Amino acid sequence: MLRQKSRDLLDTIRFLPKATRRRIYLATSIAATMTTTGIYVALQTTELKRFVNHLQMYRMRMPMPVDEKLDNLLREETIKMKLDHRDRHLHLFNTFGCDIYSIGNLHLPTGAYIGVPFTFNLESIRQLKTDDIRLLGRYKTKRTRDSPVIKKLFGSLILSDDAKRFAFAHQLHLLSSSYFFIKSFNIMAMTALYMWIVPRFNRWLGLHDTRVASRLWPRRMMGALLCFFFVTSITIVSDQFLDYVYDLRCLRQTIRQNQQHVQGGREFYEKLIERNQTMFELLADRGPEFFTPNGNVKRLFGLYTTSFSTHLDLVNSYSATNNES
């Protein structure tokens, strides 16, 4: 019944005047653009707390409150950067995994959250147990605590206060930048591009004639799908490019603040690379799906990799330049 009603609606639209069809398509394009952009914006603003709740560590039955010391370190960094540290504006939360990331924007009334891995709460390797390791979310390692790879992994998970300060400062620069707004604009632009390119693609293939539209409908849908995959590919590439550009830009801003961040950044990336190398070994046959032997992280189904050696080289080069001057 629903299928028949949809077909009747399409037939009704098909035989409307050309100017009316254009207005309908324009309204549909605006609605689609606002919907896709609105979902992203809502998750980063009005639905921020609900989104964060789904990322909390307790969902994996590993409850652990954020150490008060971390909040103090974050407060120190916000004071150094002259940012507002209101309770309702910026929060920390424990998340699963070993990577730090942020959500929201400090320029918005809804504020922002920084997700820290549980290892940020630790001060010593003695606090870690082999049972704490879960690979790919469910597989536990069979290595013992005395295994060289486990010792190396545990050592890479414990960070000094300087490294934690650097990580917070890096995320704070990202949260106070135009990153969120540019990402929102990217989604809006790509959706609008899709809605603009589909009718032109069908016209180029000669599929726009309404008199034979019913016969060519499967081919018109195929044209829409081809455009969808094309625009989606552009969206993913541009999104990853924005992540890369803003990541390095905020890294430069962070290490220019003081020498303490340079030292913390060096430790942070050295241990991050070391962690990835051990994970490559522990995951065995699955390791090459996510990491390279030298500690790079594979992205987009392994189509390209993120090299944290680039970040480490940037930190070291700035340190060398600063020492010479």
C-alpha atoms as a PDB file:
ATOM      1  CA  MET A   1       0.000   0.000   0.000  1.00  0.00           C
ATOM      2  CA  LEU A   2       2.804   2.404   0.899  1.00  0.00           C
ATOM      3  CA  ARG A   3       4.588   1.511  -2.308  1.00  0.00           C
ATOM      4  CA  GLN A   4       1.484   2.280  -4.331  1.00  0.00           C
ATOM      5  CA  LYS A   5       1.015   5.638  -2.622  1.00  0.00           C
ATOM      6  CA  SER A   6       4.642   6.518  -3.313  1.00  0.00           C
ATOM      7  CA  ARG A   7       4.208   5.600  -6.959  1.00  0.00           C
ATOM      8  CA  ASP A   8       1.033   7.701  -7.199  1.00  0.00           C
ATOM      9  CA  LEU A   9       2.851  10.652  -5.649  1.00  0.00           C
ATOM     10  CA  LEU A  10       5.716  10.319  -8.128  1.00  0.00           C
ATOM     11  CA  ASP A  11       3.273  10.108 -11.031  1.00  0.00           C
ATOM     12  CA  THR A  12       1.538  13.249  -9.775  1.00  0.00           C
ATOM     13  CA  ILE A  13       4.821  15.147  -9.537  1.00  0.00           C
ATOM     14  CA  ARG A  14       5.997  13.848 -12.896  1.00  0.00           C
ATOM     15  CA  PHE A  15       3.153  15.480 -14.816  1.00  0.00           C
ATOM     16  CA  LEU A  16       3.279  18.824 -13.030  1.00  0.00           C
ATOM     17  CA  PRO A  17       4.547  21.890 -14.928  1.00  0.00           C
ATOM     18  CA  LYS A  18       8.328  22.143 -15.172  1.00  0.00           C
ATOM     19  CA  ALA A  19       8.490  25.287 -13.015  1.00  0.00           C
ATOM     20  CA  THR A  20       6.495  23.563 -10.249  1.00  0.00           C
ATOM     21  CA  ARG A  21       8.723  20.495 -10.358  1.00  0.00           C
ATOM     22  CA  ARG A  22      11.762  22.704  -9.990  1.00  0.00           C
ATOM     23  CA  ARG A  23      10.313  24.417  -6.947  1.00  0.00           C
ATOM     24  CA  ILE A  24       9.500  21.042  -5.378  1.00  0.00           C
ATOM     25  CA  TYR A  25      13.018  19.785  -6.028  1.00  0.00           C
ATOM     26  CA  LEU A  26      14.500  22.978  -4.629  1.00  0.00           C
ATOM     27  CA  ALA A  27      12.437  22.610  -1.444  1.00  0.00           C
ATOM     28  CA  THR A  28      13.459  18.939  -1.194  1.00  0.00           C
ATOM     29  CA  SER A  29      17.117  19.876  -1.649  1.00  0.00           C
ATOM     30  CA  ILE A  30      16.954  22.484   1.112  1.00  0.00           C
ATOM     31  CA  ALA A  31      15.181  20.034   3.443  1.00  0.00           C
ATOM     32  CA  ALA A  32      17.767  17.292   2.763  1.00  0.00           C
ATOM     33  CA  THR A  33      20.669  19.701   3.292  1.00  0.00           C
ATOM     34  CA  MET A  34      19.243  21.015   6.562  1.00  0.00           C
ATOM     35  CA  THR A  35      18.534  17.466   7.772  1.00  0.00           C
ATOM     36  CA  THR A  36      22.032  16.063   7.230  1.00  0.00           C
ATOM     37  CA  THR A  37      23.704  19.162   8.641  1.00  0.00           C
ATOM     38  CA  GLY A  38      21.205  19.340  11.503  1.00  0.00           C
ATOM     39  CA  ILE A  39      21.965  15.787  12.634  1.00  0.00           C
ATOM     40  CA  TYR A  40      25.668  16.564  12.969  1.00  0.00           C
ATOM     41  CA  VAL A  41      25.049  19.918  14.649  1.00  0.00           C
ATOM     42  CA  ALA A  42      22.501  18.411  17.054  1.00  0.00           C
ATOM     43  CA  LEU A  43      24.899  15.658  18.162  1.00  0.00           C
ATOM     44  CA  GLN A  44      27.506  18.317  18.930  1.00  0.00           C
ATOM     45  CA  THR A  45      25.127  20.749  20.665  1.00  0.00           C
ATOM     46  CA  THR A  46      21.588  20.069  21.886  1.00  0.00           C
ATOM     47  CA  GLU A  47      22.086  16.289  22.052  1.00  0.00           C
ATOM     48  CA  LEU A  48      25.630  16.530  23.343  1.00  0.00           C
ATOM     49  CA  LYS A  49      24.991  15.039  26.775  1.00  0.00           C
ATOM     50  CA  ARG A  50      23.019  12.123  25.360  1.00  0.00           C
ATOM     51  CA  PHE A  51      25.761  11.517  22.779  1.00  0.00           C
ATOM     52  CA  VAL A  52      28.420  11.513  25.501  1.00  0.00           C
ATOM     53  CA  ASN A  53      26.383   9.069  27.611  1.00  0.00           C
ATOM     54  CA  HIS A  54      26.628   6.542  24.791  1.00  0.00           C
ATOM     55  CA  LEU A  55      30.411   6.934  24.762  1.00  0.00           C
ATOM     56  CA  GLN A  56      30.920   6.540  28.513  1.00  0.00           C
ATOM     57  CA  MET A  57      33.060   3.681  29.721  1.00  0.00           C
ATOM     58  CA  TYR A  58      30.299   2.345  31.973  1.00  0.00           C
ATOM     59  CA  ARG A  59      28.505   1.041  28.877  1.00  0.00           C
ATOM     60  CA  MET A  60      31.306  -1.544  28.656  1.00  0.00           C
ATOM     61  CA  ARG A  61      30.811  -2.435  32.345  1.00  0.00           C
ATOM     62  CA  MET A  62      34.059  -0.737  33.275  1.00  0.00           C
ATOM     63  CA  PRO A  63      32.943   2.129  35.542  1.00  0.00           C
ATOM     64  CA  MET A  64      35.708   4.496  36.549  1.00  0.00           C
ATOM     65  CA  PRO A  65      35.185   8.132  37.537  1.00  0.00           C
ATOM     66  CA  VAL A  66      37.496  10.779  36.120  1.00  0.00           C
ATOM     67  CA  ASP A  67      40.378  11.457  38.491  1.00  0.00           C
ATOM     68  CA  GLU A  68      40.077  14.855  40.148  1.00  0.00           C
ATOM     69  CA  LYS A  69      43.712  15.475  39.273  1.00  0.00           C
ATOM     70  CA  LEU A  70      42.821  15.443  35.574  1.00  0.00           C
ATOM     71  CA  ASP A  71      40.197  18.122  36.098  1.00  0.00           C
ATOM     72  CA  ASN A  72      42.808  20.221  37.901  1.00  0.00           C
ATOM     73  CA  LEU A  73      45.241  19.801  35.011  1.00  0.00           C
ATOM     74  CA  LEU A  74      42.520  20.819  32.576  1.00  0.00           C
ATOM     75  CA  ARG A  75      41.676  23.859  34.688  1.00  0.00           C
ATOM     76  CA  GLU A  76      45.324  24.909  34.665  1.00  0.00           C
ATOM     77  CA  GLU A  77      45.416  24.740  30.873  1.00  0.00           C
ATOM     78  CA  THR A  78      42.224  26.737  30.471  1.00  0.00           C
ATOM     79  CA  ILE A  79      43.679  29.443  32.704  1.00  0.00           C
ATOM     80  CA  LYS A  80      46.887  29.531  30.651  1.00  0.00           C
ATOM     81  CA  MET A  81      44.860  29.841  27.449  1.00  0.00           C
ATOM     82  CA  LYS A  82      42.501  32.370  29.090  1.00  0.00           C
ATOM     83  CA  LEU A  83      39.474  30.182  28.422  1.00  0.00           C
ATOM     84  CA  ASP A  84      36.303  30.047  30.496  1.00  0.00           C
ATOM     85  CA  HIS A  85      36.216  26.918  32.687  1.00  0.00           C
ATOM     86  CA  ARG A  86      32.619  27.008  33.813  1.00  0.00           C
ATOM     87  CA  ASP A  87      31.206  23.719  35.040  1.00  0.00           C
ATOM     88  CA  ARG A  88      28.446  23.755  32.465  1.00  0.00           C
ATOM     89  CA  HIS A  89      30.808  24.707  29.638  1.00  0.00           C
ATOM     90  CA  LEU A  90      33.637  22.159  29.651  1.00  0.00           C
ATOM     91  CA  HIS A  91      33.699  18.625  31.051  1.00  0.00           C
ATOM     92  CA  LEU A  92      35.882  15.530  31.071  1.00  0.00           C
ATOM     93  CA  PHE A  93      34.501  12.010  30.746  1.00  0.00           C
ATOM     94  CA  ASN A  94      36.090   8.581  30.701  1.00  0.00           C
ATOM     95  CA  THR A  95      35.718   6.693  27.465  1.00  0.00           C
ATOM     96  CA  PHE A  96      36.844   3.284  26.279  1.00  0.00           C
ATOM     97  CA  GLY A  97      39.906   2.896  24.093  1.00  0.00           C
ATOM     98  CA  CYS A  98      43.276   4.604  24.417  1.00  0.00           C
ATOM     99  CA  ASP A  99      42.764   7.799  22.382  1.00  0.00           C
ATOM    100  CA  ILE A 100      41.745  11.252  23.542  1.00  0.00           C
ATOM    101  CA  TYR A 101      39.201  13.234  21.548  1.00  0.00           C
ATOM    102  CA  SER A 102      36.769  16.105  21.952  1.00  0.00           C
ATOM    103  CA  ILE A 103      33.150  16.908  21.119  1.00  0.00           C
ATOM    104  CA  GLY A 104      31.388  20.254  20.771  1.00  0.00           C
ATOM    105  CA  ASN A 105      32.838  23.757  20.728  1.00  0.00           C
ATOM    106  CA  LEU A 106      33.769  26.235  23.453  1.00  0.00           C
ATOM    107  CA  HIS A 107      32.187  29.134  21.551  1.00  0.00           C
ATOM    108  CA  LEU A 108      28.736  27.531  21.787  1.00  0.00           C
ATOM    109  CA  PRO A 109      26.390  27.815  24.796  1.00  0.00           C
ATOM    110  CA  THR A 110      26.186  24.023  24.955  1.00  0.00           C
ATOM    111  CA  GLY A 111      29.923  23.819  25.600  1.00  0.00           C
ATOM    112  CA  ALA A 112      32.214  20.855  24.980  1.00  0.00           C
ATOM    113  CA  TYR A 113      33.434  17.534  26.355  1.00  0.00           C
ATOM    114  CA  ILE A 114      36.860  15.943  26.255  1.00  0.00           C
ATOM    115  CA  GLY A 115      36.902  12.158  26.273  1.00  0.00           C
ATOM    116  CA  VAL A 116      39.931  10.689  28.028  1.00  0.00           C
ATOM    117  CA  PRO A 117      40.951   7.001  28.079  1.00  0.00           C
ATOM    118  CA  PHE A 118      40.991   5.268  31.457  1.00  0.00           C
ATOM    119  CA  THR A 119      44.810   5.169  31.333  1.00  0.00           C
ATOM    120  CA  PHE A 120      44.857   8.941  31.976  1.00  0.00           C
ATOM    121  CA  ASN A 121      43.719   8.133  35.522  1.00  0.00           C
ATOM    122  CA  LEU A 122      46.745   5.915  36.144  1.00  0.00           C
ATOM    123  CA  GLU A 123      50.036   6.993  37.703  1.00  0.00           C
ATOM    124  CA  SER A 124      51.994   3.737  37.667  1.00  0.00           C
ATOM    125  CA  ILE A 125      52.329   0.510  35.681  1.00  0.00           C
ATOM    126  CA  ARG A 126      51.561  -1.383  38.896  1.00  0.00           C
ATOM    127  CA  GLN A 127      47.950  -0.228  38.583  1.00  0.00           C
ATOM    128  CA  LEU A 128      47.538  -2.152  35.328  1.00  0.00           C
ATOM    129  CA  LYS A 129      46.624  -5.816  35.057  1.00  0.00           C
ATOM    130  CA  THR A 130      46.729  -8.150  32.080  1.00  0.00           C
ATOM    131  CA  ASP A 131      42.954  -8.599  32.434  1.00  0.00           C
ATOM    132  CA  ASP A 132      42.545  -4.879  31.682  1.00  0.00           C
ATOM    133  CA  ILE A 133      43.490  -5.550  28.061  1.00  0.00           C
ATOM    134  CA  ARG A 134      40.615  -6.185  25.688  1.00  0.00           C
ATOM    135  CA  LEU A 135      41.495  -6.411  22.019  1.00  0.00           C
ATOM    136  CA  LEU A 136      38.865  -5.327  19.501  1.00  0.00           C
ATOM    137  CA  GLY A 137      36.381  -4.917  22.329  1.00  0.00           C
ATOM    138  CA  ARG A 138      36.080  -8.554  23.382  1.00  0.00           C
ATOM    139  CA  TYR A 139      39.266 -10.570  22.802  1.00  0.00           C
ATOM    140  CA  LYS A 140      41.502 -10.815  25.869  1.00  0.00           C
ATOM    141  CA  THR A 141      45.226 -11.252  25.415  1.00  0.00           C
ATOM    142  CA  LYS A 142      46.816 -14.556  26.421  1.00  0.00           C
ATOM    143  CA  ARG A 143      50.176 -12.927  27.133  1.00  0.00           C
ATOM    144  CA  THR A 144      51.469 -12.792  30.678  1.00  0.00           C
ATOM    145  CA  ARG A 145      52.438  -9.645  32.519  1.00  0.00           C
ATOM    146  CA  ASP A 146      56.124 -10.528  32.161  1.00  0.00           C
ATOM    147  CA  SER A 147      55.951 -10.804  28.371  1.00  0.00           C
ATOM    148  CA  PRO A 148      58.163  -8.189  26.647  1.00  0.00           C
ATOM    149  CA  VAL A 149      55.273  -6.979  24.495  1.00  0.00           C
ATOM    150  CA  ILE A 150      53.027  -6.517  27.545  1.00  0.00           C
ATOM    151  CA  LYS A 151      55.742  -4.605  29.396  1.00  0.00           C
ATOM    152  CA  LYS A 152      56.172  -2.399  26.356  1.00  0.00           C
ATOM    153  CA  LEU A 153      52.416  -1.875  26.054  1.00  0.00           C
ATOM    154  CA  PHE A 154      51.969  -1.040  29.731  1.00  0.00           C
ATOM    155  CA  GLY A 155      54.860   1.404  29.571  1.00  0.00           C
ATOM    156  CA  SER A 156      53.259   3.181  26.608  1.00  0.00           C
ATOM    157  CA  LEU A 157      49.944   3.620  28.453  1.00  0.00           C
ATOM    158  CA  ILE A 158      51.320   5.543  31.449  1.00  0.00           C
ATOM    159  CA  LEU A 159      51.767   9.260  30.760  1.00  0.00           C
ATOM    160  CA  SER A 160      53.408  11.985  32.797  1.00  0.00           C
ATOM    161  CA  ASP A 161      51.542  15.137  33.836  1.00  0.00           C
ATOM    162  CA  ASP A 162      53.362  17.073  31.098  1.00  0.00           C
ATOM    163  CA  ALA A 163      52.067  14.676  28.435  1.00  0.00           C
ATOM    164  CA  LYS A 164      48.531  14.951  29.815  1.00  0.00           C
ATOM    165  CA  ARG A 165      48.761  18.747  29.876  1.00  0.00           C
ATOM    166  CA  PHE A 166      49.876  18.692  26.254  1.00  0.00           C
ATOM    167  CA  ALA A 167      46.969  16.422  25.287  1.00  0.00           C
ATOM    168  CA  PHE A 168      44.473  18.737  27.016  1.00  0.00           C
ATOM    169  CA  ALA A 169      45.992  21.872  25.465  1.00  0.00           C
ATOM    170  CA  HIS A 170      45.856  20.271  22.012  1.00  0.00           C
ATOM    171  CA  GLN A 171      42.160  19.462  22.400  1.00  0.00           C
ATOM    172  CA  LEU A 172      41.413  22.907  23.841  1.00  0.00           C
ATOM    173  CA  HIS A 173      42.906  24.572  20.788  1.00  0.00           C
ATOM    174  CA  LEU A 174      40.736  22.338  18.620  1.00  0.00           C
ATOM    175  CA  LEU A 175      37.612  23.105  20.660  1.00  0.00           C
ATOM    176  CA  SER A 176      38.222  26.862  20.488  1.00  0.00           C
ATOM    177  CA  SER A 177      38.909  26.859  16.729  1.00  0.00           C
ATOM    178  CA  SER A 178      36.551  26.988  13.741  1.00  0.00           C
ATOM    179  CA  TYR A 179      36.824  23.191  13.342  1.00  0.00           C
ATOM    180  CA  PHE A 180      33.212  22.431  14.298  1.00  0.00           C
ATOM    181  CA  PHE A 181      31.797  25.162  12.049  1.00  0.00           C
ATOM    182  CA  ILE A 182      33.914  24.188   9.030  1.00  0.00           C
ATOM    183  CA  LYS A 183      32.932  20.522   9.449  1.00  0.00           C
ATOM    184  CA  SER A 184      29.267  21.530   9.575  1.00  0.00           C
ATOM    185  CA  PHE A 185      29.687  23.627   6.433  1.00  0.00           C
ATOM    186  CA  ASN A 186      31.412  20.691   4.715  1.00  0.00           C
ATOM    187  CA  ILE A 187      28.417  18.431   5.355  1.00  0.00           C
ATOM    188  CA  MET A 188      26.039  21.125   4.146  1.00  0.00           C
ATOM    189  CA  ALA A 189      28.071  21.788   0.987  1.00  0.00           C
ATOM    190  CA  MET A 190      28.395  18.118   0.098  1.00  0.00           C
ATOM    191  CA  THR A 191      24.668  17.463   0.527  1.00  0.00           C
ATOM    192  CA  ALA A 192      23.851  20.488  -1.620  1.00  0.00           C
ATOM    193  CA  LEU A 193      26.362  19.255  -4.217  1.00  0.00           C
ATOM    194  CA  TYR A 194      24.630  15.888  -4.346  1.00  0.00           C
ATOM    195  CA  MET A 195      21.197  17.433  -4.837  1.00  0.00           C
ATOM    196  CA  TRP A 196      22.612  19.707  -7.544  1.00  0.00           C
ATOM    197  CA  ILE A 197      24.543  17.050  -9.456  1.00  0.00           C
ATOM    198  CA  VAL A 198      21.856  14.324  -9.663  1.00  0.00           C
ATOM    199  CA  PRO A 199      19.465  16.059 -12.127  1.00  0.00           C
ATOM    200  CA  ARG A 200      22.390  17.239 -14.255  1.00  0.00           C
ATOM    201  CA  PHE A 201      23.801  13.732 -14.372  1.00  0.00           C
ATOM    202  CA  ASN A 202      20.432  12.338 -15.457  1.00  0.00           C
ATOM    203  CA  ARG A 203      20.119  15.081 -18.056  1.00  0.00           C
ATOM    204  CA  TRP A 204      23.595  14.241 -19.351  1.00  0.00           C
ATOM    205  CA  LEU A 205      22.507  10.594 -19.733  1.00  0.00           C
ATOM    206  CA  GLY A 206      19.267  11.663 -21.410  1.00  0.00           C
ATOM    207  CA  LEU A 207      17.102  10.392 -18.545  1.00  0.00           C
ATOM    208  CA  HIS A 208      15.241  13.620 -17.824  1.00  0.00           C
ATOM    209  CA  ASP A 209      12.369  13.225 -20.310  1.00  0.00           C
ATOM    210  CA  THR A 210       9.150  12.893 -18.278  1.00  0.00           C
ATOM    211  CA  ARG A 211       7.360  11.205 -21.177  1.00  0.00           C
ATOM    212  CA  VAL A 212       9.500   8.101 -20.783  1.00  0.00           C
ATOM    213  CA  ALA A 213      10.290   8.569 -17.110  1.00  0.00           C
ATOM    214  CA  SER A 214       8.465   5.464 -15.948  1.00  0.00           C
ATOM    215  CA  ARG A 215      10.432   3.279 -18.343  1.00  0.00           C
ATOM    216  CA  LEU A 216      13.732   4.897 -17.411  1.00  0.00           C
ATOM    217  CA  TRP A 217      13.069   5.062 -13.673  1.00  0.00           C
ATOM    218  CA  PRO A 218      15.504   2.209 -12.744  1.00  0.00           C
ATOM    219  CA  ARG A 219      18.248   3.953 -14.740  1.00  0.00           C
ATOM    220  CA  ARG A 220      17.448   7.261 -13.061  1.00  0.00           C
ATOM    221  CA  MET A 221      17.835   5.596  -9.675  1.00  0.00           C
ATOM    222  CA  MET A 222      21.132   4.087 -10.793  1.00  0.00           C
ATOM    223  CA  GLY A 223      22.299   7.573 -11.765  1.00  0.00           C
ATOM    224  CA  ALA A 224      21.310   8.880  -8.322  1.00  0.00           C
ATOM    225  CA  LEU A 225      23.229   6.044  -6.640  1.00  0.00           C
ATOM    226  CA  LEU A 226      26.340   6.691  -8.735  1.00  0.00           C
ATOM    227  CA  CYS A 227      26.194  10.360  -7.763  1.00  0.00           C
ATOM    228  CA  PHE A 228      25.700   9.368  -4.133  1.00  0.00           C
ATOM    229  CA  PHE A 229      28.842   7.225  -4.059  1.00  0.00           C
ATOM    230  CA  PHE A 230      30.804   9.912  -5.907  1.00  0.00           C
ATOM    231  CA  VAL A 231      29.766  12.707  -3.542  1.00  0.00           C
ATOM    232  CA  THR A 232      30.173  10.458  -0.482  1.00  0.00           C
ATOM    233  CA  SER A 233      33.745   9.734  -1.528  1.00  0.00           C
ATOM    234  CA  ILE A 234      34.437  13.461  -1.868  1.00  0.00           C
ATOM    235  CA  THR A 235      32.816  14.082   1.526  1.00  0.00           C
ATOM    236  CA  ILE A 236      34.932  11.455   3.281  1.00  0.00           C
ATOM    237  CA  VAL A 237      38.157  12.676   1.675  1.00  0.00           C
ATOM    238  CA  SER A 238      37.424  16.325   2.497  1.00  0.00           C
ATOM    239  CA  ASP A 239      36.387  15.393   6.047  1.00  0.00           C
ATOM    240  CA  GLN A 240      39.614  13.485   6.657  1.00  0.00           C
ATOM    241  CA  PHE A 241      41.600  16.324   5.104  1.00  0.00           C
ATOM    242  CA  LEU A 242      39.995  18.807   7.500  1.00  0.00           C
ATOM    243  CA  ASP A 243      40.834  16.532  10.436  1.00  0.00           C
ATOM    244  CA  TYR A 244      44.454  16.382   9.312  1.00  0.00           C
ATOM    245  CA  VAL A 245      44.800  20.125   8.706  1.00  0.00           C
ATOM    246  CA  TYR A 246      43.215  21.170  11.997  1.00  0.00           C
ATOM    247  CA  ASP A 247      45.120  18.526  13.937  1.00  0.00           C
ATOM    248  CA  LEU A 248      48.493  19.838  12.754  1.00  0.00           C
ATOM    249  CA  ARG A 249      47.393  23.452  13.055  1.00  0.00           C
ATOM    250  CA  CYS A 250      46.346  22.978  16.689  1.00  0.00           C
ATOM    251  CA  LEU A 251      49.533  20.988  17.347  1.00  0.00           C
ATOM    252  CA  ARG A 252      51.630  23.962  16.207  1.00  0.00           C
ATOM    253  CA  GLN A 253      49.613  26.313  18.400  1.00  0.00           C
ATOM    254  CA  THR A 254      50.088  24.006  21.386  1.00  0.00           C
ATOM    255  CA  ILE A 255      53.848  23.545  21.194  1.00  0.00           C
ATOM    256  CA  ARG A 256      54.348  27.291  20.700  1.00  0.00           C
ATOM    257  CA  GLN A 257      52.858  27.983  24.123  1.00  0.00           C
ATOM    258  CA  ASN A 258      55.765  26.823  26.255  1.00  0.00           C
ATOM    259  CA  GLN A 259      58.623  24.341  26.471  1.00  0.00           C
ATOM    260  CA  GLN A 260      56.616  22.144  28.837  1.00  0.00           C
ATOM    261  CA  HIS A 261      54.176  21.340  26.028  1.00  0.00           C
ATOM    262  CA  VAL A 262      57.061  20.492  23.696  1.00  0.00           C
ATOM    263  CA  GLN A 263      58.394  17.931  26.156  1.00  0.00           C
ATOM    264  CA  GLY A 264      54.905  16.603  26.841  1.00  0.00           C
ATOM    265  CA  GLY A 265      54.128  16.371  23.130  1.00  0.00           C
ATOM    266  CA  ARG A 266      57.316  14.432  22.456  1.00  0.00           C
ATOM    267  CA  GLU A 267      56.451  11.906  25.174  1.00  0.00           C
ATOM    268  CA  PHE A 268      52.812  11.706  24.082  1.00  0.00           C
ATOM    269  CA  TYR A 269      53.597  10.828  20.456  1.00  0.00           C
ATOM    270  CA  GLU A 270      56.518   8.544  21.254  1.00  0.00           C
ATOM    271  CA  LYS A 271      54.307   6.477  23.531  1.00  0.00           C
ATOM    272  CA  LEU A 272      51.430   6.595  21.042  1.00  0.00           C
ATOM    273  CA  ILE A 273      53.653   5.141  18.328  1.00  0.00           C
ATOM    274  CA  GLU A 274      54.992   2.545  20.785  1.00  0.00           C
ATOM    275  CA  ARG A 275      51.447   1.572  21.752  1.00  0.00           C
ATOM    276  CA  ASN A 276      50.434   1.091  18.109  1.00  0.00           C
ATOM    277  CA  GLN A 277      53.476  -1.095  17.468  1.00  0.00           C
ATOM    278  CA  THR A 278      52.613  -3.352  20.387  1.00  0.00           C
ATOM    279  CA  MET A 279      48.976  -3.498  19.300  1.00  0.00           C
ATOM    280  CA  PHE A 280      50.123  -4.556  15.827  1.00  0.00           C
ATOM    281  CA  GLU A 281      51.916  -7.490  17.442  1.00  0.00           C
ATOM    282  CA  LEU A 282      49.166  -8.413  19.925  1.00  0.00           C
ATOM    283  CA  LEU A 283      46.429  -8.448  17.293  1.00  0.00           C
ATOM    284  CA  ALA A 284      48.419 -10.985  15.273  1.00  0.00           C
ATOM    285  CA  ASP A 285      46.594 -11.651  11.970  1.00  0.00           C
ATOM    286  CA  ARG A 286      44.172  -8.787  12.605  1.00  0.00           C
ATOM    287  CA  GLY A 287      46.960  -6.298  13.291  1.00  0.00           C
ATOM    288  CA  PRO A 288      47.604  -5.266   9.648  1.00  0.00           C
ATOM    289  CA  GLU A 289      43.938  -4.279   9.339  1.00  0.00           C
ATOM    290  CA  PHE A 290      44.416  -1.403  11.787  1.00  0.00           C
ATOM    291  CA  PHE A 291      48.126  -0.644  12.163  1.00  0.00           C
ATOM    292  CA  THR A 292      51.417  -0.793  10.321  1.00  0.00           C
ATOM    293  CA  PRO A 293      54.568  -2.316  11.868  1.00  0.00           C
ATOM    294  CA  ASN A 294      56.071   1.162  12.425  1.00  0.00           C
ATOM    295  CA  GLY A 295      53.051   2.392  14.419  1.00  0.00           C
ATOM    296  CA  ASN A 296      50.942   4.168  11.806  1.00  0.00           C
ATOM    297  CA  VAL A 297      47.149   3.935  12.023  1.00  0.00           C
ATOM    298  CA  LYS A 298      45.201   2.776   8.993  1.00  0.00           C
ATOM    299  CA  ARG A 299      42.160   4.865   8.028  1.00  0.00           C
ATOM    300  CA  LEU A 300      39.271   4.409   5.600  1.00  0.00           C
ATOM    301  CA  PHE A 301      39.514   0.635   5.353  1.00  0.00           C
ATOM    302  CA  GLY A 302      43.283   0.817   4.970  1.00  0.00           C
ATOM    303  CA  LEU A 303      43.222   3.163   1.958  1.00  0.00           C
ATOM    304  CA  TYR A 304      45.583   5.571   3.699  1.00  0.00           C
ATOM    305  CA  THR A 305      47.414   5.821   7.016  1.00  0.00           C
ATOM    306  CA  THR A 306      47.918   8.457   9.676  1.00  0.00           C
ATOM    307  CA  SER A 307      51.565   8.699  10.638  1.00  0.00           C
ATOM    308  CA  PHE A 308      52.154  10.034  14.133  1.00  0.00           C
ATOM    309  CA  SER A 309      55.820  10.213  13.188  1.00  0.00           C
ATOM    310  CA  THR A 310      54.821  13.398  11.340  1.00  0.00           C
ATOM    311  CA  HIS A 311      53.531  14.878  14.595  1.00  0.00           C
ATOM    312  CA  LEU A 312      56.634  13.759  16.482  1.00  0.00           C
ATOM    313  CA  ASP A 313      58.922  15.233  13.817  1.00  0.00           C
ATOM    314  CA  LEU A 314      57.036  18.526  14.036  1.00  0.00           C
ATOM    315  CA  VAL A 315      57.492  18.643  17.805  1.00  0.00           C
ATOM    316  CA  ASN A 316      61.189  17.747  17.544  1.00  0.00           C
ATOM    317  CA  SER A 317      61.834  20.254  14.768  1.00  0.00           C
ATOM    318  CA  TYR A 318      60.216  23.048  16.797  1.00  0.00           C
ATOM    319  CA  SER A 319      62.256  22.044  19.840  1.00  0.00           C
ATOM    320  CA  ALA A 320      65.476  22.096  17.816  1.00  0.00           C
ATOM    321  CA  THR A 321      64.643  25.495  16.299  1.00  0.00           C
ATOM    322  CA  ASN A 322      63.760  26.898  19.720  1.00  0.00           C
ATOM    323  CA  ASN A 323      67.037  25.641  21.214  1.00  0.00           C
ATOM    324  CA  GLU A 324      69.084  27.191  18.408  1.00  0.00           C
ATOM    325  CA  SER A 325      67.410  30.541  18.866  1.00  0.00           C
END
